[in-house]
Protein backbone atom coordinates (compact mmCIF):
# COMPACT_ATOMS: atom_id res chain seq x y z
CA MET A 1 -6.73 13.69 14.69
CA ALA A 2 -6.16 15.83 17.77
CA ASP A 3 -8.61 13.49 19.55
CA ASP A 4 -6.46 10.41 18.65
CA VAL A 5 -9.19 9.21 16.26
CA LEU A 6 -8.63 9.21 12.51
CA THR A 7 -11.89 9.54 10.59
CA ILE A 8 -12.50 8.68 6.93
CA ASP A 9 -12.91 12.40 6.14
CA GLU A 10 -9.55 13.22 7.79
CA LEU A 11 -7.85 10.38 5.94
CA GLU A 12 -9.29 11.48 2.58
CA ALA A 13 -8.04 15.03 3.22
CA ILE A 14 -4.41 13.85 3.47
CA ALA A 15 -4.51 10.88 1.07
CA VAL A 16 -2.71 10.83 -2.25
CA LYS A 17 -4.89 9.05 -4.79
CA GLY A 18 -4.19 7.28 -8.06
CA GLN A 19 -4.63 4.03 -9.94
CA ALA A 20 -2.53 0.90 -10.13
CA THR A 21 -1.66 -0.24 -13.63
CA PHE A 22 -0.10 -3.44 -12.27
CA PHE A 23 -0.76 -5.42 -9.09
CA LYS A 24 0.37 -8.91 -8.12
CA GLU A 25 -0.41 -10.79 -4.92
CA THR A 26 1.46 -14.01 -4.21
CA LEU A 27 0.40 -16.39 -1.44
CA HIS A 28 2.79 -18.95 0.01
CA PRO A 29 0.42 -20.96 2.26
CA TYR A 30 3.00 -23.43 3.58
CA GLN A 31 5.23 -20.55 4.70
CA ALA A 32 2.29 -18.42 5.89
CA LYS A 33 3.63 -15.64 3.66
CA LEU A 34 1.90 -13.00 1.52
CA GLN A 35 3.78 -10.80 -0.96
CA MET A 36 2.29 -7.87 -2.88
CA VAL A 37 3.78 -5.59 -5.52
CA GLY A 38 2.19 -2.87 -7.57
CA LYS A 39 2.83 0.23 -9.64
CA GLY A 40 0.77 2.97 -11.18
CA THR A 41 0.11 6.67 -11.58
CA LEU A 42 -1.07 9.22 -9.04
CA ASP A 43 -3.78 11.77 -9.86
CA ASP A 44 -1.11 14.52 -9.97
CA GLY A 45 0.83 12.69 -12.71
CA ARG A 46 3.60 11.19 -10.59
CA SER A 47 4.19 7.44 -10.60
CA PHE A 48 4.47 5.06 -7.67
CA LEU A 49 5.91 1.64 -6.82
CA PHE A 50 4.69 -0.46 -3.89
CA SER A 51 5.82 -3.69 -2.26
CA SER A 52 4.90 -5.39 0.98
CA GLU A 53 5.55 -8.72 2.67
CA GLU A 54 3.62 -10.33 5.49
CA THR A 55 4.54 -13.49 7.38
CA HIS A 56 2.24 -15.22 9.89
CA GLY A 57 -0.11 -12.23 9.79
CA VAL A 58 2.60 -9.69 10.67
CA ILE A 59 3.79 -7.10 8.13
CA GLN A 60 7.54 -7.57 7.75
CA THR A 61 8.34 -4.87 5.17
CA THR A 62 6.51 -2.23 3.20
CA HIS A 63 8.14 0.02 0.62
CA ILE A 64 6.44 2.87 -1.23
CA GLU A 65 8.32 4.98 -3.76
CA VAL A 66 6.82 8.05 -5.44
CA ARG A 67 8.56 9.56 -8.47
């Protein structure tokens, strides 16, 4: 990353991995809005919650909580 380029290998080295046990994507086409929520378990046993909202192709909010 010192060269201002993030490679897949560099990303995998810092990534926290797991699996979602729930995921829901809701499209609101007339409002040009996309909402996503999810939850699951990380490989180290912790759990996570995720939510994000996009309007007109721009991410408005993203929240990630790890417990």
